[in-house]
Amino acid sequence: MGGVHSGTHNLGDTLWMHERQRQRGQ
């Protein structure tokens, strides 16, 4: 269970970082 939760959190964090970079690029 912990592994799955960690993976989901990691994916969300990556998407958040990608979105931040996109906004910064504009």
Protein backbone atom coordinates (compact mmCIF):
# COMPACT_ATOMS: atom_id res chain seq x y z
CA MET A 1 0.00 0.00 0.00
CA GLY A 2 2.74 2.43 0.96
CA GLY A 3 4.53 1.81 -2.33
CA VAL A 4 1.42 2.59 -4.36
CA HIS A 5 0.75 5.76 -2.39
CA SER A 6 4.36 6.85 -2.85
CA GLY A 7 4.17 6.23 -6.60
CA THR A 8 0.97 8.25 -6.92
CA HIS A 9 2.45 11.12 -4.92
CA ASN A 10 5.58 11.03 -7.07
CA LEU A 11 3.51 11.18 -10.27
CA GLY A 12 1.46 14.10 -8.96
CA ASP A 13 4.65 15.92 -7.90
CA THR A 14 6.14 15.43 -11.38
CA LEU A 15 3.00 16.79 -13.03
CA TRP A 16 3.02 19.75 -10.62
CA MET A 17 6.63 20.52 -11.48
CA HIS A 18 5.89 20.20 -15.21
CA GLU A 19 2.93 22.59 -14.90
CA ARG A 20 5.10 25.09 -12.98
CA GLN A 21 7.72 24.97 -15.74
CA ARG A 22 5.04 25.49 -18.39
CA GLN A 23 3.67 28.58 -16.62
CA ARG A 24 7.21 29.87 -16.12
CA GLY A 25 7.95 29.38 -19.84
CA GLN A 26 5.01 31.54 -20.85
